Amino acid sequence: MNLFPGNSSVSWLKSLVRIRPLAKNFLFKILRKLIFHESTIPDSCQITRHSVFAAKKILTKASTLAIVEALNGGTGAVTASPQNGNGPGVVVGGIMSRNRTIALILAISATLSQANAASFQGVGGLSDHAFVLSEGLGVSGDGSVAFGSSMISDGWEAFRWTAEIGIQSLGDLPGGQVGGYPLGSSYDGSVIVGSSYTNNSSGNPVERAYAWTQQAGMEELPLPDTYSNDYYASAAFSISADGRMITGLVGLGYSVFGNTQVNKAVIWDIENDATTLIDWPDNTVSDPRFQGIDISADASTVLINGAPDDFMWTQEDGYTETVAGAMALSGDGSTIMGGGRFGDEHRYDAFIWTEQGGHQYIGAVDGWISNQGSDISYDGSTVVGCLLNNPIQYEDFAAYIWNEQDGVRLIQDILAGDYNLDLTGWTLRSATGISDDGLTIVGNGINPDGIEEGWIATIPEPATIILFALGGVILRRTRYA
């Protein structure tokens, strides 16, 4: 039985409602298995990279069997059989009854509700430090991996966190002092980049860019050929979705973040083992300081932050001047997130900027003065950061999430108020990273013991409209027994 003959039905369903990739790909996968009976997905319905994450997180054995059970008992045969040895497959025959249709919708509803459940968890630490357990610095594009730094006895050490394993040390570069800062991740979190310390040939500690993988551990990224190992530091800030291209900076000195000398943006091409410097476009500037702070998911665009100007850079077109105060680039390359003190040193304003729409200031909520953005979702529609009442001394923080529809909302209020999660004793001070789909957030706060700790949270989108749309499709097009 095919409820929707032809590939046009897939396009019709896609146009029903705009939904996030996580839910969209899940529904397409369920519909293909239960209704279309197709061994391959039509070209008009190719599953994106988000579907891998959706399948792992949502399509569990229990939820699949629940949907099979929902279909069972009406006219026609319903059987569950292994497919490629990887779990239950579904074969549906005959005519779907009204009761089975309703049961199907309810089963998918239950599965989506489980997948989209709100959650909150502290990530812990690599040691039982008395003041700081950890700082969450970001999250992978698929939302499965958080990363940050944890305070240990003699410094900061980089970590990676997953729900399955918990917190995991990334180690350090060999020979140097303890200190590791992960700053970017590939889409699935399998490659993490940042900076750590090693020793130069004179035996002095120097900060260097690294890439970490589970197989190879932490490996130093090479300096450009014309730069001396003794006198230059480097850091990696961002990485493409596939882990192939990395951007950052190289600068004169021993530490990137304390460096006051000339900085230059750099791109590491891992696949081709190439390191490329991006030259400053204006040769009249005698002491440029600039860095590649972000890269689009497909590696086509690099966001350059520097003095005196900020730029977008592509291999084909070179530099395009953008907007002052740029801090992050959306994964699709369409939107810049930034901020600055615009005429008032006591107020910091975050904004998003597009070539078509220009500036859109994010604002704050009652009781808060300033807004500092930290990260932006893949399509540029969602921003996270922290609200401040003292942007000079950086005191009194609150983590927020923003989109155009809902404006600025405090994450703690959403989790505790809207979803009734128990955050007793927690104070969520900042949000530092957001997944591509805008649903998973990493940040920092004060835990119930009064110690700073990183956290990871999920704020789901309501699935009701999706389910009503799906129900309408099936009910309108089903022949009842």
Protein backbone atom coordinates (compact mmCIF):
# COMPACT_ATOMS: atom_id res chain seq x y z
CA MET A 1 0.00 0.00 0.00
CA ASN A 2 1.27 3.47 -0.84
CA LEU A 3 -0.72 6.21 0.80
CA PHE A 4 0.99 8.92 -1.22
CA PRO A 5 1.71 7.70 -4.76
CA GLY A 6 4.71 9.21 -6.45
CA ASN A 7 7.54 11.42 -5.21
CA SER A 8 5.39 14.54 -5.33
CA SER A 9 3.82 13.58 -2.01
CA VAL A 10 7.19 13.94 -0.33
CA SER A 11 7.54 17.50 -1.60
CA TRP A 12 3.97 18.24 -0.50
CA LEU A 13 4.73 16.99 3.00
CA LYS A 14 7.94 18.99 3.16
CA SER A 15 6.07 22.18 2.36
CA LEU A 16 3.42 21.57 5.03
CA VAL A 17 5.35 23.15 7.85
CA ARG A 18 8.84 24.50 8.44
CA ILE A 19 10.45 22.34 11.06
CA ARG A 20 13.96 21.85 12.32
CA PRO A 21 16.20 19.26 10.65
CA LEU A 22 16.15 16.96 13.68
CA ALA A 23 12.36 16.44 13.63
CA LYS A 24 12.07 16.73 9.85
CA ASN A 25 14.53 13.98 9.06
CA PHE A 26 13.09 11.73 11.73
CA LEU A 27 9.61 12.04 10.26
CA PHE A 28 10.87 11.40 6.74
CA LYS A 29 12.70 8.31 7.94
CA ILE A 30 9.60 6.97 9.73
CA LEU A 31 7.37 7.72 6.72
CA ARG A 32 9.73 5.99 4.37
CA LYS A 33 9.80 2.84 6.50
CA LEU A 34 6.10 2.70 7.35
CA ILE A 35 4.36 4.14 4.31
CA PHE A 36 6.52 4.53 1.23
CA HIS A 37 8.23 1.10 1.50
CA GLU A 38 11.18 2.50 -0.42
CA SER A 39 14.62 0.94 -0.15
CA THR A 40 16.19 4.23 -1.12
CA ILE A 41 15.09 7.78 -0.48
CA PRO A 42 13.85 9.73 -3.53
CA ASP A 43 16.10 12.54 -4.72
CA SER A 44 13.53 15.07 -3.50
CA CYS A 45 13.89 13.74 0.06
CA GLN A 46 17.58 13.15 0.60
CA ILE A 47 18.37 12.89 4.31
CA THR A 48 20.91 15.50 5.40
CA ARG A 49 23.79 15.01 7.80
CA HIS A 50 21.40 15.71 10.68
CA SER A 51 19.60 12.40 10.00
CA VAL A 52 22.54 10.38 11.28
CA PHE A 53 22.21 12.10 14.63
CA ALA A 54 18.42 11.81 14.53
CA ALA A 55 18.54 8.09 13.82
CA LYS A 56 20.94 7.42 16.69
CA LYS A 57 19.12 9.61 19.19
CA ILE A 58 15.49 9.00 18.22
CA LEU A 59 14.90 5.81 16.28
CA THR A 60 15.57 3.40 19.14
CA LYS A 61 14.48 -0.21 19.12
CA ALA A 62 11.76 0.51 21.69
CA SER A 63 10.25 3.40 19.73
CA THR A 64 10.32 1.45 16.47
CA LEU A 65 8.54 -1.52 18.04
CA ALA A 66 5.98 0.87 19.57
CA ILE A 67 5.12 2.15 16.11
CA VAL A 68 4.96 -1.39 14.73
CA GLU A 69 2.59 -2.29 17.57
CA ALA A 70 0.48 0.77 16.74
CA LEU A 71 0.06 -0.49 13.20
CA ASN A 72 -0.71 -4.06 14.25
CA GLY A 73 -4.27 -5.38 14.42
CA GLY A 74 -5.91 -3.76 11.37
CA THR A 75 -6.57 -5.12 7.91
CA GLY A 76 -3.48 -6.23 6.12
CA ALA A 77 -0.25 -7.77 7.35
CA VAL A 78 2.18 -6.03 9.62
CA THR A 79 5.45 -7.76 10.39
CA ALA A 80 8.72 -6.74 12.03
CA SER A 81 11.81 -8.29 10.53
CA PRO A 82 15.54 -7.60 10.76
CA GLN A 83 16.87 -5.29 8.08
CA ASN A 84 20.55 -5.66 7.26
CA GLY A 85 20.95 -7.22 10.70
CA ASN A 86 20.78 -3.82 12.37
CA GLY A 87 17.41 -3.88 14.05
CA PRO A 88 13.72 -4.16 13.36
CA GLY A 89 12.42 -3.45 9.89
CA VAL A 90 8.77 -2.76 9.09
CA VAL A 91 6.67 -4.19 6.29
CA VAL A 92 3.09 -2.96 5.95
CA GLY A 93 0.47 -4.43 3.69
CA GLY A 94 -3.25 -4.07 3.11
CA ILE A 95 -5.40 -1.07 3.98
CA MET A 96 -4.82 1.14 7.00
CA SER A 97 -7.84 1.54 9.27
CA ARG A 98 -8.78 4.76 11.04
CA ASN A 99 -7.88 3.29 14.44
CA ARG A 100 -4.48 2.19 13.20
CA THR A 101 -3.91 5.66 11.72
CA ILE A 102 -4.67 7.33 15.04
CA ALA A 103 -2.48 4.80 16.85
CA LEU A 104 0.35 5.54 14.42
CA ILE A 105 0.10 9.27 15.08
CA LEU A 106 0.07 8.71 18.85
CA ALA A 107 3.07 6.38 18.64
CA ILE A 108 5.08 8.90 16.62
CA SER A 109 3.95 11.59 19.06
CA ALA A 110 5.29 9.59 22.00
CA THR A 111 8.57 8.98 20.20
CA LEU A 112 8.99 12.65 19.27
CA SER A 113 8.15 13.71 22.82
CA GLN A 114 10.86 11.41 24.13
CA ALA A 115 13.37 12.66 21.57
CA ASN A 116 12.56 16.32 22.19
CA ALA A 117 12.44 16.11 25.99
CA ALA A 118 14.02 19.06 27.77
CA SER A 119 17.14 18.17 29.74
CA PHE A 120 19.84 19.73 31.88
CA GLN A 121 23.06 18.29 33.29
CA GLY A 122 26.31 19.54 34.77
CA VAL A 123 29.34 18.13 32.95
CA GLY A 124 31.42 17.66 36.10
CA GLY A 125 35.19 18.09 36.16
CA LEU A 126 38.48 16.25 35.75
CA SER A 127 39.29 16.84 39.43
CA ASP A 128 37.54 17.91 42.62
CA HIS A 129 38.79 21.49 42.49
CA ALA A 130 37.60 23.69 45.33
CA PHE A 131 36.57 26.67 43.19
CA VAL A 132 36.15 25.65 39.53
CA LEU A 133 35.17 22.23 38.24
CA SER A 134 34.92 23.10 34.57
CA GLU A 135 34.07 25.70 31.94
CA GLY A 136 31.89 24.70 29.00
CA LEU A 137 33.19 26.40 25.85
CA GLY A 138 31.15 24.90 23.03
CA VAL A 139 29.16 22.04 21.52
CA SER A 140 29.41 20.00 18.33
CA GLY A 141 27.05 20.75 15.46
CA ASP A 142 24.97 17.62 16.11
CA GLY A 143 24.68 18.43 19.82
CA SER A 144 26.22 15.15 20.98
CA VAL A 145 29.58 16.46 22.26
CA ALA A 146 30.32 19.28 24.69
CA PHE A 147 33.85 20.58 25.11
CA GLY A 148 35.66 22.95 27.45
CA SER A 149 38.41 23.21 30.06
CA SER A 150 38.60 21.82 33.57
CA MET A 151 40.72 23.09 36.43
CA ILE A 152 43.19 20.52 37.75
CA SER A 153 45.95 20.86 40.35
CA ASP A 154 48.43 22.69 38.15
CA GLY A 155 46.36 24.39 35.44
CA TRP A 156 43.58 24.02 32.91
CA GLU A 157 43.08 20.87 30.89
CA ALA A 158 40.87 20.45 27.80
CA PHE A 159 37.98 18.02 27.96
CA ARG A 160 35.33 16.40 25.80
CA TRP A 161 31.96 15.31 27.23
CA THR A 162 29.30 12.92 25.91
CA ALA A 163 26.21 11.51 27.58
CA GLU A 164 27.53 7.97 27.08
CA ILE A 165 31.08 8.45 28.44
CA GLY A 166 30.91 11.59 30.53
CA ILE A 167 33.92 13.89 30.84
CA GLN A 168 37.13 12.85 29.08
CA SER A 169 40.53 14.58 29.17
CA LEU A 170 42.03 15.59 25.82
CA GLY A 171 45.51 15.75 27.35
CA ASP A 172 48.16 18.31 26.42
CA LEU A 173 50.80 18.86 23.80
CA PRO A 174 54.06 17.15 24.80
CA GLY A 175 56.73 18.96 26.77
CA GLY A 176 54.89 22.09 27.78
CA GLN A 177 53.11 23.36 30.84
CA VAL A 178 49.59 22.21 31.58
CA GLY A 179 47.02 24.29 29.71
CA GLY A 180 44.45 23.39 27.12
CA TYR A 181 41.60 25.33 25.57
CA PRO A 182 39.28 23.62 23.06
CA LEU A 183 37.66 26.25 20.85
CA GLY A 184 35.97 24.44 17.97
CA SER A 185 34.58 21.09 16.89
CA SER A 186 33.64 19.20 13.74
CA TYR A 187 29.94 18.48 13.24
CA ASP A 188 29.99 15.13 15.06
CA GLY A 189 32.59 16.10 17.66
CA SER A 190 35.17 13.61 16.39
CA VAL A 191 37.72 16.40 15.79
CA ILE A 192 38.30 19.17 18.34
CA VAL A 193 40.64 22.11 17.84
CA GLY A 194 42.09 24.74 20.14
CA SER A 195 45.39 25.71 21.75
CA SER A 196 47.72 24.13 24.28
CA TYR A 197 51.31 24.57 25.44
CA THR A 198 54.48 22.89 24.29
CA ASN A 199 58.18 23.82 24.45
CA ASN A 200 60.09 25.52 21.66
CA SER A 201 63.67 24.57 20.76
CA SER A 202 64.96 26.87 23.51
CA GLY A 203 62.95 25.03 26.14
CA ASN A 204 60.51 27.89 26.69
CA PRO A 205 56.75 27.23 26.84
CA VAL A 206 54.86 28.42 23.79
CA GLU A 207 51.17 28.24 22.92
CA ARG A 208 50.35 26.22 19.80
CA ALA A 209 47.28 25.25 17.81
CA TYR A 210 46.18 21.62 17.94
CA ALA A 211 43.70 19.15 16.51
CA TRP A 212 42.46 16.25 18.64
CA THR A 213 40.97 12.95 17.52
CA GLN A 214 40.17 9.79 19.49
CA GLN A 215 42.65 7.81 17.39
CA ALA A 216 45.64 10.16 17.40
CA GLY A 217 45.06 12.25 20.52
CA MET A 218 46.23 15.88 20.56
CA GLU A 219 48.52 16.81 17.66
CA GLU A 220 50.18 20.18 17.04
CA LEU A 221 49.18 21.99 13.85
CA PRO A 222 52.22 23.15 11.88
CA LEU A 223 53.30 26.78 11.62
CA PRO A 224 53.65 28.31 8.15
CA ASP A 225 57.04 27.57 6.58
CA THR A 226 58.28 31.15 6.90
CA TYR A 227 57.63 31.33 10.65
CA SER A 228 60.22 30.38 13.28
CA ASN A 229 59.27 27.75 15.83
CA ASP A 230 61.02 29.71 18.57
CA TYR A 231 59.19 33.02 18.32
CA TYR A 232 55.64 32.36 17.14
CA ALA A 233 52.52 31.13 18.88
CA SER A 234 49.31 29.86 17.27
CA ALA A 235 45.72 28.90 18.08
CA ALA A 236 42.90 27.16 16.20
CA PHE A 237 39.46 28.74 16.67
CA SER A 238 37.08 26.97 14.30
CA ILE A 239 36.76 23.91 12.06
CA SER A 240 34.56 22.92 9.14
CA ALA A 241 31.76 20.38 9.61
CA ASP A 242 33.75 17.55 8.03
CA GLY A 243 36.89 18.32 10.06
CA ARG A 244 38.97 19.04 6.98
CA MET A 245 39.58 22.81 7.23
CA ILE A 246 40.65 24.74 10.34
CA THR A 247 41.10 28.47 10.85
CA GLY A 248 42.89 30.46 13.52
CA LEU A 249 45.90 32.72 13.94
CA VAL A 250 49.65 32.78 14.23
CA GLY A 251 51.40 35.60 16.07
CA LEU A 252 54.76 36.82 17.30
CA GLY A 253 55.22 35.88 20.95
CA TYR A 254 54.83 32.95 23.33
CA SER A 255 51.10 33.22 24.01
CA VAL A 256 48.34 34.01 21.55
CA PHE A 257 45.96 35.50 24.07
CA GLY A 258 48.63 37.64 25.72
CA ASN A 259 50.29 38.57 22.43
CA THR A 260 50.51 42.26 21.48
CA GLN A 261 52.57 41.77 18.33
CA VAL A 262 51.55 41.12 14.74
CA ASN A 263 48.84 38.45 14.34
CA LYS A 264 47.89 36.87 11.03
CA ALA A 265 44.96 34.68 10.09
CA VAL A 266 45.82 31.15 9.01
CA ILE A 267 44.00 28.20 7.42
CA TRP A 268 45.05 24.60 7.95
CA ASP A 269 43.96 22.19 5.20
CA ILE A 270 44.19 18.82 6.95
CA GLU A 271 43.32 16.72 3.93
CA ASN A 272 46.07 18.24 1.77
CA ASP A 273 48.52 18.88 4.62
CA ALA A 274 48.75 22.58 3.75
CA THR A 275 49.04 25.70 5.91
CA THR A 276 48.07 29.02 4.34
CA LEU A 277 48.45 32.56 5.66
CA ILE A 278 45.74 35.06 4.79
CA ASP A 279 47.44 38.38 4.03
CA TRP A 280 45.94 41.64 5.26
CA PRO A 281 44.22 43.38 2.32
CA ASP A 282 45.54 46.88 3.08
CA ASN A 283 49.30 47.12 2.74
CA THR A 284 49.29 50.63 4.25
CA VAL A 285 48.51 49.20 7.71
CA SER A 286 51.92 48.79 9.33
CA ASP A 287 50.87 46.64 12.31
CA PRO A 288 47.78 44.59 11.46
CA ARG A 289 46.27 42.28 14.07
CA PHE A 290 43.74 39.85 12.66
CA GLN A 291 42.64 36.27 13.04
CA GLY A 292 40.35 33.72 11.47
CA ILE A 293 37.76 33.36 14.22
CA ASP A 294 35.13 31.24 12.46
CA ILE A 295 34.57 29.17 9.34
CA SER A 296 31.36 28.10 7.60
CA ALA A 297 30.29 24.45 7.75
CA ASP A 298 31.34 23.83 4.14
CA ALA A 299 34.65 25.72 4.62
CA SER A 300 33.82 28.17 1.83
CA THR A 301 33.89 31.30 4.01
CA VAL A 302 36.16 32.48 6.83
CA LEU A 303 35.25 35.28 9.23
CA ILE A 304 38.26 37.52 9.87
CA ASN A 305 38.29 39.60 13.04
CA GLY A 306 40.99 42.24 13.30
CA ALA A 307 42.19 45.78 13.64
CA PRO A 308 41.25 48.07 12.09
CA ASP A 309 38.47 46.17 10.21
CA ASP A 310 36.54 42.87 10.10
CA PHE A 311 36.17 40.89 6.88
CA MET A 312 34.65 37.82 5.26
CA TRP A 313 37.19 35.89 3.19
CA THR A 314 36.72 33.29 0.45
CA GLN A 315 39.28 31.58 -1.77
CA GLU A 316 37.53 32.84 -4.91
CA ASP A 317 36.70 36.44 -3.97
CA GLY A 318 39.23 37.28 -1.27
CA TYR A 319 38.13 39.90 1.26
CA THR A 320 34.70 41.48 1.63
CA GLU A 321 34.40 44.11 4.33
CA THR A 322 31.56 43.35 6.75
CA VAL A 323 30.75 44.89 10.10
CA ALA A 324 32.77 45.95 13.14
CA GLY A 325 32.54 43.74 16.20
CA ALA A 326 32.16 40.40 14.36
CA MET A 327 32.42 37.40 16.70
CA ALA A 328 30.84 34.35 15.05
CA LEU A 329 29.59 33.12 11.67
CA SER A 330 26.52 30.95 11.11
CA GLY A 331 27.24 27.52 9.65
CA ASP A 332 25.58 28.40 6.35
CA GLY A 333 27.72 31.54 6.07
CA SER A 334 24.74 33.90 5.85
CA THR A 335 24.79 35.62 9.23
CA ILE A 336 27.39 37.29 11.44
CA MET A 337 26.89 37.57 15.20
CA GLY A 338 28.76 40.34 16.95
CA GLY A 339 28.64 43.04 19.56
CA GLY A 340 30.25 46.12 21.01
CA ARG A 341 29.85 49.27 23.05
CA PHE A 342 28.11 51.61 20.66
CA GLY A 343 28.29 55.06 22.20
CA ASP A 344 27.92 53.94 25.82
CA GLU A 345 30.87 52.34 27.60
CA HIS A 346 28.54 50.99 30.29
CA ARG A 347 26.37 49.11 27.82
CA TYR A 348 27.31 46.21 25.55
CA ASP A 349 24.94 45.33 22.67
CA ALA A 350 24.87 42.06 20.75
CA PHE A 351 23.57 41.93 17.19
CA ILE A 352 23.19 39.76 14.12
CA TRP A 353 24.07 41.08 10.68
CA THR A 354 23.26 39.92 7.16
CA GLU A 355 24.18 41.50 3.84
CA GLN A 356 20.52 41.92 2.97
CA GLY A 357 19.11 43.01 6.32
CA GLY A 358 22.02 44.81 7.95
CA HIS A 359 22.09 45.08 11.76
CA GLN A 360 19.46 43.59 14.03
CA TYR A 361 20.16 44.32 17.68
CA ILE A 362 19.21 41.56 20.09
CA GLY A 363 18.49 43.69 23.14
CA ALA A 364 17.99 42.54 26.72
CA VAL A 365 15.14 41.87 29.13
CA ASP A 366 13.88 43.87 32.09
CA GLY A 367 16.41 44.05 34.88
CA TRP A 368 19.43 43.62 32.63
CA ILE A 369 21.53 46.30 30.95
CA SER A 370 23.82 44.60 28.45
CA ASN A 371 23.87 41.61 26.14
CA GLN A 372 26.94 39.71 24.97
CA GLY A 373 26.47 37.00 22.34
CA SER A 374 28.63 33.87 22.24
CA ASP A 375 27.41 31.58 19.46
CA ILE A 376 24.89 31.29 16.64
CA SER A 377 22.96 28.38 15.11
CA TYR A 378 23.59 26.97 11.62
CA ASP A 379 20.92 29.08 9.90
CA GLY A 380 21.56 32.21 11.96
CA SER A 381 18.12 32.19 13.56
CA THR A 382 19.17 31.53 17.17
CA VAL A 383 21.81 33.18 19.37
CA VAL A 384 23.03 32.33 22.86
CA GLY A 385 25.13 34.36 25.26
CA CYS A 386 24.94 36.16 28.58
CA LEU A 387 23.16 39.20 29.94
CA LEU A 388 25.17 41.55 32.14
CA ASN A 389 24.53 44.41 34.52
CA ASN A 390 28.18 45.45 34.74
CA PRO A 391 29.94 45.11 31.37
CA ILE A 392 32.99 46.98 32.70
CA GLN A 393 33.87 44.52 35.47
CA TYR A 394 31.96 41.59 33.94
CA GLU A 395 29.89 40.75 37.00
CA ASP A 396 26.30 39.57 37.45
CA PHE A 397 25.61 37.25 34.50
CA ALA A 398 22.60 35.32 33.22
CA ALA A 399 22.55 32.82 30.33
CA TYR A 400 20.06 33.57 27.54
CA ILE A 401 18.76 32.30 24.21
CA TRP A 402 17.34 34.53 21.47
CA ASN A 403 15.34 34.11 18.31
CA GLU A 404 13.29 36.62 16.37
CA GLN A 405 9.95 35.11 17.33
CA ASP A 406 10.46 34.88 21.10
CA GLY A 407 13.12 37.52 21.69
CA VAL A 408 15.57 37.21 24.59
CA ARG A 409 14.69 34.54 27.16
CA LEU A 410 16.60 33.41 30.24
CA ILE A 411 17.58 29.78 29.84
CA GLN A 412 17.11 29.08 33.54
CA ASP A 413 13.52 30.37 33.39
CA ILE A 414 12.76 28.20 30.36
CA LEU A 415 14.15 24.99 31.83
CA ALA A 416 12.74 25.44 35.33
CA GLY A 417 9.53 27.31 34.46
CA ASP A 418 8.40 25.94 31.11
CA TYR A 419 9.69 22.38 31.48
CA ASN A 420 9.68 21.94 35.28
CA LEU A 421 13.27 20.74 35.46
CA ASP A 422 14.85 20.78 38.90
CA LEU A 423 17.61 23.39 38.84
CA THR A 424 17.60 23.95 42.60
CA GLY A 425 20.87 25.55 43.68
CA TRP A 426 22.04 26.25 40.11
CA THR A 427 22.68 29.71 38.68
CA LEU A 428 23.13 29.62 34.89
CA ARG A 429 25.50 32.49 34.17
CA SER A 430 26.40 32.17 30.51
CA ALA A 431 25.65 30.16 27.37
CA THR A 432 28.74 29.65 25.21
CA GLY A 433 27.75 27.24 22.43
CA ILE A 434 24.72 26.06 20.47
CA SER A 435 24.18 23.11 18.15
CA ASP A 436 23.39 23.54 14.47
CA ASP A 437 19.67 22.98 15.00
CA GLY A 438 19.50 25.44 17.90
CA LEU A 439 18.25 22.88 20.41
CA THR A 440 21.33 21.91 22.45
CA ILE A 441 23.20 24.54 24.47
CA VAL A 442 26.41 24.47 26.48
CA GLY A 443 27.30 27.04 29.11
CA ASN A 444 28.61 27.81 32.57
CA GLY A 445 27.09 28.37 35.97
CA ILE A 446 27.38 28.00 39.71
CA ASN A 447 26.34 24.54 40.89
CA PRO A 448 24.51 23.75 44.15
CA ASP A 449 27.87 23.44 45.96
CA GLY A 450 28.79 27.01 44.98
CA ILE A 451 31.44 25.85 42.48
CA GLU A 452 31.72 26.94 38.84
CA GLU A 453 30.75 24.12 36.50
CA GLY A 454 29.95 23.71 32.82
CA TRP A 455 26.53 22.43 31.80
CA ILE A 456 24.65 21.10 28.78
CA ALA A 457 20.92 21.55 28.17
CA THR A 458 18.30 20.75 25.55
CA ILE A 459 15.42 23.15 24.91
CA PRO A 460 13.04 21.34 22.54
CA GLU A 461 10.72 22.78 19.95
CA PRO A 462 7.03 21.91 20.34
CA ALA A 463 6.18 18.89 18.19
CA THR A 464 2.41 19.39 18.28
CA ILE A 465 2.15 21.28 15.00
CA ILE A 466 4.26 18.66 13.27
CA LEU A 467 2.04 15.85 14.51
CA PHE A 468 -1.20 17.61 13.57
CA ALA A 469 0.21 18.17 10.07
CA LEU A 470 1.25 14.52 9.80
CA GLY A 471 -2.16 13.37 11.06
CA GLY A 472 -3.91 15.57 8.52
CA VAL A 473 -1.84 14.12 5.70
CA ILE A 474 -2.64 10.52 6.64
CA LEU A 475 -6.30 11.06 7.49
CA ARG A 476 -7.00 12.95 4.27
CA ARG A 477 -5.31 10.41 2.04
CA THR A 478 -6.10 7.11 3.74
CA ARG A 479 -8.81 4.73 2.55
CA TYR A 480 -10.50 3.40 5.64
CA ALA A 481 -11.44 -0.23 6.06
